Structures are given as C-alpha cells and as structure tokens.
Amino acid sequence: MNQVPLDSSIPQANILIVEDEQGPREALKLILSPFFNLYTVDRAEVALQILATHPIDLVTLDLRLPDQSGTDLLAKIRESGHDVDVVIITGYGTLQSAIDAIRQGVAGYILKPFNVADLLDVIKKALERRTRLSSLQGALQALGNLWTTGINLPT
C-alpha cells in the first residue's frame, strides 16, 4: 500500500468519520488510525453531538446516512459555525452533489472505492492548509495587538 508521508510537524489531528456502512467505516479506521485521533459514528445526529463536545479538525462524511443526508449534515455543520474541514467520501457521487459540496467549502470529494494514497493526500493537504491558516490568523492577531498598543514598528 502506497502511503503519503504525513508531516510530523503537524500535531495529531482529531478526525470524525461519519459513515453508516461498517465495511468502509472500518477501512477508514484502519487507514487513518496510525496518523490521527479518530471518532467514528454512523448517524448525523451523533456526529453533531461529537462536534459540539470535542475539538474536531476534519470530518470525513458519507452522503448517505440513515437519519439524514450527508448534504443536510454538511449544511448544519456550516450553519453551526464549527471550524472544521470536511472531506466527502461517497459511493453515490454525482456532478450536482460535487458542485453543492464545493459551494459549501469542502476540502475534498472522493468517490468509493477510494485510493488510499489519494485519501491521505487530500486529508494531509486539508490539515496543512488549516495549520497555515491558523498561523496566519495568529500573526495577524499579534500584529493587531501591536498596532492597538501603540508600539512603533521599525520602518
């Protein structure tokens, strides 16, 4: 199995796997558990509870769930303001569902059966982008603090 090396400078991320089928859920756990802290659920409502109570960095989301569609869950995640990246992993992908997912800012859209290297690459890039954005936000906050305290910056 070809695995994409993950950057050891990225802290171990918390990933929520939302997948109703046991086979794909177990496969994702097997692939991702060496690199990430995992939470796995098979229903949208449980996923929302986990997001409300745990610091989740990324969600892998199936589009077909027993209690509501993955698209509806994605909309609820976005409406709730959770700061989390989402990667859609589905066996029922359509051009329209991909367009809708992109409009809602997903970090990736992967069709089942998925390639392990592609999956790890999408997740790695999403987490790296998240880390860079967090660093940039911290730098901008520090600069703003300097500006408001009236410290003179060198010219």
Foldseek 3Di string as FASTA:
>chain_A
DDADDFDPVQPAFEEEEAAQDPVVQVVCCVLCVVRHHYHYDQALVVVVVCLVPDQHAEYEFEQDGDPHGSLVSLVVCVVVPRNYAYEYEYQDDDPVVVVSVVVSPHQYYAYPPGDSRVVNVSVRVSSVVVVVVVVVVVVVVVVVVCVVVVPDDDD
